[in-house]
Protein backbone atom coordinates (compact mmCIF):
# COMPACT_ATOMS: atom_id res chain seq x y z
CA UNK A 1 119.28 81.57 113.15
CA UNK A 2 116.22 79.73 114.58
CA UNK A 3 116.70 75.73 115.12
CA UNK A 4 114.78 73.93 112.92
CA UNK A 5 112.03 72.60 115.53
CA UNK A 6 111.56 75.87 116.56
CA UNK A 7 110.37 76.97 113.03
CA UNK A 8 108.66 73.73 112.47
CA UNK A 9 106.50 74.18 115.55
CA UNK A 10 105.51 77.84 114.34
CA UNK A 11 104.57 76.42 110.93
CA UNK A 12 102.51 73.83 112.41
CA UNK A 13 100.68 76.30 114.22
CA UNK A 14 99.95 78.17 111.29
CA UNK A 15 98.55 75.34 109.37
CA UNK A 16 95.50 75.56 111.71
CA UNK A 17 94.20 78.99 111.91
CA UNK A 18 90.70 77.83 112.89
CA UNK A 19 92.25 75.33 115.60
CA UNK A 20 90.98 75.46 119.31
CA UNK A 21 93.41 78.03 121.08
CA UNK A 22 95.63 75.67 123.41
CA UNK A 23 97.17 77.98 126.02
CA UNK A 24 99.64 75.41 127.28
CA UNK A 25 100.83 75.16 123.98
CA UNK A 26 100.73 78.46 122.79
CA UNK A 27 102.74 79.16 126.08
CA UNK A 28 105.27 76.39 125.45
CA UNK A 29 105.97 77.48 121.99
CA UNK A 30 106.31 81.01 122.63
CA UNK A 31 108.77 80.54 125.39
CA UNK A 32 110.50 78.30 123.09
CA UNK A 33 110.35 80.94 119.92
CA UNK A 34 111.71 83.72 122.77
CA UNK A 35 114.89 81.76 123.93
CA UNK A 36 115.64 80.93 120.01
CA UNK A 37 115.12 84.69 119.08
CA UNK A 38 117.43 85.59 122.26
CA UNK A 39 120.31 83.59 121.11
CA UNK A 40 120.16 84.16 117.63
CA UNK A 41 118.93 88.09 117.83
CA UNK A 42 121.85 90.80 118.88
CA UNK A 43 118.94 93.53 119.41
CA UNK A 44 116.52 91.51 121.30
CA UNK A 45 119.10 90.01 123.15
CA UNK A 46 120.80 93.13 124.41
CA UNK A 47 117.16 94.44 125.66
CA UNK A 48 116.74 91.46 127.76
CA UNK A 49 119.67 91.61 129.53
CA UNK A 50 119.56 95.30 130.40
CA UNK A 51 116.07 94.30 131.72
CA UNK A 52 116.96 91.10 133.31
CA UNK A 53 114.67 89.34 131.72
CA UNK A 54 116.35 86.47 130.27
CA UNK A 55 114.86 82.85 128.85
CA UNK A 56 115.50 81.58 132.50
CA UNK A 57 113.62 84.50 134.10
CA UNK A 58 110.59 83.99 132.00
CA UNK A 59 108.18 81.42 132.78
CA UNK A 60 105.19 82.61 130.96
CA UNK A 61 104.44 84.09 127.33
CA UNK A 62 103.02 87.24 129.25
CA UNK A 63 106.44 87.89 130.65
CA UNK A 64 108.65 88.00 127.71
CA UNK A 65 109.64 91.46 126.84
CA UNK A 66 108.76 93.25 124.48
CA UNK A 67 110.45 95.72 122.19
CA UNK A 68 109.00 99.15 121.54
CA UNK A 69 108.02 100.03 117.87
CA UNK A 70 110.84 103.08 117.55
CA UNK A 71 113.57 100.01 118.28
CA UNK A 72 113.48 99.07 114.49
CA UNK A 73 114.52 102.90 113.64
CA UNK A 74 117.37 102.56 116.14
CA UNK A 75 118.76 99.00 115.61
CA UNK A 76 118.46 95.92 112.79
CA UNK A 77 115.99 93.65 114.25
CA UNK A 78 116.24 90.34 113.04
CA UNK A 79 118.15 86.49 113.67
CA UNK A 80 120.00 87.08 110.19
CA UNK A 81 122.15 89.82 108.83
CA UNK A 82 120.56 92.23 107.02
CA UNK A 83 122.13 91.79 103.84
CA UNK A 84 120.33 88.37 103.45
CA UNK A 85 116.63 90.16 103.05
CA UNK A 86 114.81 89.28 99.98
CA UNK A 87 112.45 92.51 101.05
CA UNK A 88 112.67 95.54 103.66
CA UNK A 89 109.08 96.96 104.84
CA UNK A 90 109.70 100.39 105.97
CA UNK A 91 107.51 101.97 108.93
CA UNK A 92 105.51 105.14 107.94
CA UNK A 93 107.70 108.16 107.17
CA UNK A 94 108.43 111.30 108.99
CA UNK A 95 109.45 114.95 108.15
CA UNK A 96 112.89 113.52 108.93
CA UNK A 97 113.08 111.55 105.87
CA UNK A 98 114.05 107.85 105.10
CA UNK A 99 116.63 107.78 107.87
CA UNK A 100 113.98 107.84 110.71
CA UNK A 101 111.80 105.14 109.06
CA UNK A 102 112.18 101.81 110.83
CA UNK A 103 113.06 98.95 108.42
CA UNK A 104 111.67 95.45 108.54
CA UNK A 105 113.82 92.68 107.05
CA UNK A 106 112.42 89.71 106.04
CA UNK A 107 114.66 86.84 104.29
CA UNK A 108 113.32 83.55 102.38
CA UNK A 109 112.42 81.39 105.79
CA UNK A 110 110.52 84.72 107.31
CA UNK A 111 108.75 86.00 103.67
CA UNK A 112 107.65 82.01 103.78
CA UNK A 113 106.09 82.67 107.50
CA UNK A 114 104.56 85.96 106.25
CA UNK A 115 102.91 84.46 103.33
CA UNK A 116 101.75 81.69 105.28
CA UNK A 117 100.20 83.57 108.50
CA UNK A 118 98.63 86.68 106.40
CA UNK A 119 97.05 84.18 104.25
CA UNK A 120 95.47 81.87 106.91
CA UNK A 121 93.78 84.94 108.48
CA UNK A 122 92.69 86.18 105.15
CA UNK A 123 90.90 83.02 104.61
CA UNK A 124 89.48 82.51 107.70
CA UNK A 125 87.93 86.31 108.26
CA UNK A 126 87.84 87.73 104.98
CA UNK A 127 86.95 84.61 102.90
CA UNK A 128 85.20 82.10 105.22
CA UNK A 129 82.26 81.55 102.96
CA UNK A 130 84.17 81.16 99.11
CA UNK A 131 87.66 80.04 97.86
CA UNK A 132 87.67 83.05 95.48
CA UNK A 133 86.27 86.52 94.87
CA UNK A 134 86.63 89.37 92.60
CA UNK A 135 89.12 91.48 94.39
CA UNK A 136 89.54 95.39 93.88
CA UNK A 137 92.45 96.51 95.24
CA UNK A 138 92.59 100.27 96.39
CA UNK A 139 96.65 100.24 96.95
CA UNK A 140 99.31 100.47 94.72
CA UNK A 141 101.11 97.64 93.51
CA UNK A 142 104.46 96.41 95.55
CA UNK A 143 106.62 97.29 92.02
CA UNK A 144 105.81 101.01 92.89
CA UNK A 145 106.13 100.85 96.78
CA UNK A 146 108.28 97.92 97.50
CA UNK A 147 108.80 99.36 100.93
CA UNK A 148 104.97 99.51 101.78
CA UNK A 149 104.04 96.02 103.56
CA UNK A 150 99.99 96.91 102.64
CA UNK A 151 100.95 97.05 98.98
CA UNK A 152 102.64 93.48 99.55
CA UNK A 153 99.97 91.74 101.17
CA UNK A 154 97.15 93.26 98.88
CA UNK A 155 98.89 91.94 96.09
CA UNK A 156 99.23 88.75 97.68
CA UNK A 157 95.65 88.37 98.25
CA UNK A 158 94.80 89.30 94.64
CA UNK A 159 97.15 86.85 93.47
CA UNK A 160 96.04 83.99 95.50
CA UNK A 161 92.06 84.66 95.94
CA UNK A 162 91.47 86.92 93.26
CA UNK A 163 89.06 85.88 90.80
CA UNK A 164 88.40 86.80 87.15
CA UNK A 165 87.81 90.45 87.12
CA UNK A 166 90.38 91.45 90.17
CA UNK A 167 91.61 94.72 89.37
CA UNK A 168 94.22 96.98 91.00
CA UNK A 169 92.57 100.49 91.02
CA UNK A 170 95.45 102.96 91.85
CA UNK A 171 96.86 104.92 89.17
CA UNK A 172 100.17 107.91 89.34
CA UNK A 173 97.90 110.18 90.87
CA UNK A 174 96.03 108.01 93.08
CA UNK A 175 92.65 106.33 93.27
CA UNK A 176 91.50 105.64 89.28
CA UNK A 177 87.61 106.74 89.84
CA UNK A 178 86.63 106.08 86.60
CA UNK A 179 87.95 102.43 86.58
CA UNK A 180 86.34 101.87 90.01
CA UNK A 181 82.75 102.91 88.93
CA UNK A 182 83.53 101.16 85.93
CA UNK A 183 84.04 98.03 88.07
CA UNK A 184 81.68 98.67 90.46
CA UNK A 185 78.95 98.93 87.84
CA UNK A 186 80.08 95.79 86.10
CA UNK A 187 79.43 93.90 89.54
CA UNK A 188 75.93 95.18 89.64
CA UNK A 189 75.37 94.01 86.14
CA UNK A 190 76.65 90.31 86.12
CA UNK A 191 75.62 89.79 89.83
CA UNK A 192 79.44 88.85 90.83
CA UNK A 193 80.39 89.88 94.46
CA UNK A 194 83.53 91.77 94.96
CA UNK A 195 85.85 92.47 97.64
CA UNK A 196 87.17 96.06 97.78
CA UNK A 197 90.64 95.76 99.63
CA UNK A 198 92.98 98.90 100.76
CA UNK A 199 93.67 101.32 103.40
CA UNK A 200 90.68 102.63 105.29
CA UNK A 201 91.32 106.68 104.15
CA UNK A 202 91.14 105.22 100.46
CA UNK A 203 87.67 103.50 101.19
CA UNK A 204 86.84 107.12 102.99
CA UNK A 205 88.30 109.02 100.09
CA UNK A 206 85.69 106.68 97.62
CA UNK A 207 82.91 107.15 99.94
CA UNK A 208 83.22 110.82 99.97
CA UNK A 209 83.60 111.02 95.93
CA UNK A 210 80.60 109.01 95.60
CA UNK A 211 78.38 110.70 97.80
CA UNK A 212 79.77 114.16 96.52
CA UNK A 213 78.42 113.32 93.24
CA UNK A 214 75.04 111.43 94.42
CA UNK A 215 76.03 108.14 93.08
CA UNK A 216 75.34 104.89 95.33
CA UNK A 217 75.54 101.48 94.13
CA UNK A 218 74.13 98.16 95.15
CA UNK A 219 76.63 95.65 95.29
CA UNK A 220 75.55 91.96 94.96
CA UNK A 221 75.07 90.00 98.16
CA UNK A 222 78.46 88.42 99.24
CA UNK A 223 80.45 91.53 98.42
CA UNK A 224 82.39 92.88 100.95
CA UNK A 225 85.00 95.16 101.86
CA UNK A 226 88.59 94.92 104.03
CA UNK A 227 89.98 98.14 105.40
CA UNK A 228 92.90 98.69 107.22
CA UNK A 229 94.15 101.80 109.29
CA UNK A 230 92.67 104.56 110.45
CA UNK A 231 89.40 106.04 109.37
CA UNK A 232 90.73 109.52 107.92
CA UNK A 233 89.58 111.25 104.88
CA UNK A 234 90.80 114.26 103.43
CA UNK A 235 89.65 116.72 105.67
CA UNK A 236 88.07 115.04 108.35
CA UNK A 237 88.13 111.36 110.57
CA UNK A 238 85.31 108.92 110.95
CA UNK A 239 84.13 106.87 113.64
CA UNK A 240 84.32 103.22 113.04
CA UNK A 241 80.34 103.08 112.77
CA UNK A 242 80.26 106.25 110.46
CA UNK A 243 82.89 103.92 108.20
CA UNK A 244 80.44 101.20 108.33
CA UNK A 245 77.17 103.61 108.12
CA UNK A 246 79.04 105.00 104.60
CA UNK A 247 79.92 101.31 103.56
CA UNK A 248 76.42 100.36 103.33
CA UNK A 249 74.87 104.25 101.97
CA UNK A 250 77.52 104.02 99.11
CA UNK A 251 78.30 100.50 98.09
CA UNK A 252 75.10 98.64 99.80
CA UNK A 253 78.07 96.66 102.02
CA UNK A 254 76.06 95.16 105.23
CA UNK A 255 77.89 95.80 108.89
CA UNK A 256 78.84 92.18 108.79
CA UNK A 257 80.61 92.41 105.71
CA UNK A 258 82.99 95.57 106.66
CA UNK A 259 85.77 93.99 107.92
CA UNK A 260 88.62 96.02 109.74
CA UNK A 261 92.37 94.68 110.02
CA UNK A 262 95.15 95.62 111.91
CA UNK A 263 98.54 95.51 109.92
CA UNK A 264 101.54 96.40 111.95
CA UNK A 265 104.46 96.70 109.93
CA UNK A 266 106.90 95.49 112.52
CA UNK A 267 104.77 92.55 112.94
CA UNK A 268 104.06 89.42 110.68
CA UNK A 269 100.40 88.62 111.31
CA UNK A 270 97.24 90.61 110.38
CA UNK A 271 94.32 91.01 112.88
CA UNK A 272 90.70 90.75 111.17
CA UNK A 273 87.24 91.77 112.97
CA UNK A 274 85.40 88.82 113.78
CA UNK A 275 82.35 89.78 111.81
CA UNK A 276 82.06 88.07 108.99
CA UNK A 277 83.32 84.86 110.07
CA UNK A 278 80.91 85.28 113.04
CA UNK A 279 78.18 85.72 110.11
CA UNK A 280 78.86 83.00 108.44
CA UNK A 281 79.24 80.52 111.12
CA UNK A 282 75.85 81.58 112.59
CA UNK A 283 77.26 83.59 115.82
CA UNK A 284 76.33 86.99 117.00
CA UNK A 285 78.93 88.55 118.73
CA UNK A 286 80.07 92.22 119.34
CA UNK A 287 83.02 93.53 117.19
CA UNK A 288 86.55 92.59 118.23
CA UNK A 289 89.47 90.96 116.83
CA UNK A 290 90.04 87.38 117.19
CA UNK A 291 93.33 85.44 118.47
CA UNK A 292 94.77 83.41 116.36
CA UNK A 293 96.51 80.10 117.45
CA UNK A 294 99.82 81.81 116.88
CA UNK A 295 99.01 85.43 118.28
CA UNK A 296 98.30 86.70 121.25
CA UNK A 297 97.64 90.35 122.47
CA UNK A 298 97.42 92.06 126.04
CA UNK A 299 96.93 95.57 127.53
CA UNK A 300 99.48 97.01 129.71
CA UNK A 301 99.55 99.76 132.00
CA UNK A 302 101.13 102.73 130.20
CA UNK A 303 103.25 104.32 132.70
CA UNK A 304 104.78 101.05 134.15
CA UNK A 305 104.07 98.73 131.02
CA UNK A 306 102.60 95.87 133.54
CA UNK A 307 99.92 93.50 132.23
CA UNK A 308 96.23 94.86 132.95
CA UNK A 309 93.02 92.71 133.87
CA UNK A 310 90.84 91.68 130.65
CA UNK A 311 88.93 94.65 129.66
CA UNK A 312 90.96 97.34 131.08
CA UNK A 313 92.15 99.77 128.39
CA UNK A 314 95.97 100.02 128.41
CA UNK A 315 98.81 100.45 125.80
CA UNK A 316 98.21 96.91 123.26
CA UNK A 317 101.09 94.55 123.12
CA UNK A 318 101.06 91.94 120.65
CA UNK A 319 103.15 88.06 120.76
CA UNK A 320 103.18 86.98 117.17
CA UNK A 321 105.15 83.45 116.53
CA UNK A 322 104.63 84.27 112.97
CA UNK A 323 107.33 87.33 113.73
CA UNK A 324 110.06 84.61 115.45
CA UNK A 325 112.71 85.62 112.45
CA UNK A 326 112.21 89.36 113.19
CA UNK A 327 110.95 89.54 117.29
CA UNK A 328 107.97 87.50 119.33
CA UNK A 329 107.02 90.40 121.01
CA UNK A 330 105.92 94.15 120.25
CA UNK A 331 105.06 97.19 122.45
CA UNK A 332 102.80 99.35 120.43
CA UNK A 333 101.67 103.08 121.17
CA UNK A 334 97.70 101.84 120.73
CA UNK A 335 95.30 102.09 123.01
CA UNK A 336 92.90 99.12 123.42
CA UNK A 337 91.82 96.07 125.88
CA UNK A 338 91.72 92.42 126.30
CA UNK A 339 88.49 90.25 125.36
CA UNK A 340 87.58 86.96 125.93
CA UNK A 341 89.09 85.57 122.87
CA UNK A 342 91.17 88.81 121.53
CA UNK A 343 91.08 92.33 121.87
CA UNK A 344 90.04 95.54 120.59
CA UNK A 345 91.54 98.62 119.33
CA UNK A 346 90.75 102.18 120.35
CA UNK A 347 93.16 104.47 118.86
CA UNK A 348 96.96 106.07 119.32
CA UNK A 349 97.96 107.20 122.52
CA UNK A 350 98.56 110.65 123.29
CA UNK A 351 101.04 112.51 125.54
CA UNK A 352 101.23 111.10 129.03
CA UNK A 353 100.11 107.80 127.79
CA UNK A 354 102.87 107.14 126.21
CA UNK A 355 105.50 107.55 129.49
CA UNK A 356 106.27 104.00 129.72
CA UNK A 357 106.84 103.67 125.51
CA UNK A 358 109.52 106.53 126.23
CA UNK A 359 111.34 104.77 129.08
CA UNK A 360 111.22 101.43 127.23
CA UNK A 361 112.58 103.11 124.46
CA UNK A 362 115.39 104.62 126.59
CA UNK A 363 116.59 101.45 128.14
CA UNK A 364 116.41 99.77 124.36
CA UNK A 365 118.87 102.60 123.57
CA UNK A 366 121.07 102.12 126.79
CA UNK A 367 120.89 98.41 125.86
CA UNK A 368 122.59 98.47 122.12
CA UNK A 369 124.91 101.32 122.80
């Protein structure tokens, strides 16, 4: 278990999503969370011992060892026993079935951190200009897919922030196009803004469906989309700019209201584009994903996993204090770069770019054997 004061420090950061980023406070809190996790989390402790990177040897948050994402497929990673979990999220499936999927356990305190972190970020970056909105969910309900993190989060957004007329628009066969078009037409008719939220590929499928039928909507001012994942449709993959253009062409949603989010099952926090929040506060900047007071992201060299200077492309490593009850640092296979106030993701690493991750996984397996 984590000490109460450590968890309280994380909750204090979550309570102020718009606070000025304080590097020293983040560093102190991150190292305290890492130290507590090291003591309580057997998988983390074994890995850190294997690397010789115990809390006594870590003097800055950038030195905290990051678990490779595949570690969750090989070990139970948490500060509590798996049987205490109230919910279990799973990573994407493979041809080898459920046994090869990573399991992320959430007990009641972990779920409390989860809900608070994702809602704080959603309010700041998806709803900076209003408290509630009509939410159209393009994802299945969590009752149907209890292990899908996106389904849980979308249901949470609808429950917390959904106005009258909010709806779940995925049926047994996938997107319910008839009901989606009814909802879009209703929004046009009554002038009520809507927020469409779901997987990026679901929105791509919707865009394609509307284009093929030469149907166009002009959603009311204030409407927006929030998508998570890659821009892949039924038979093609879009660039980010093509996705943004299609949102405008088919739904009438302007670029600064097309918000992409990065959600990683093994982590707790969500990472949203800055554009809608910037528009609401009168700022004009390039599109990127800002840090929250409780998160930091950096890029590391793909072969050595050593930190790279800001702006250089490498593998993304995330520190998420809201993930304190699972693991505070995660090494991903995503390529991207660090910016002055956040990061940008470019896509998945391929082939030789994963050499460092492969070595890290070998070291993890040696540690927990």
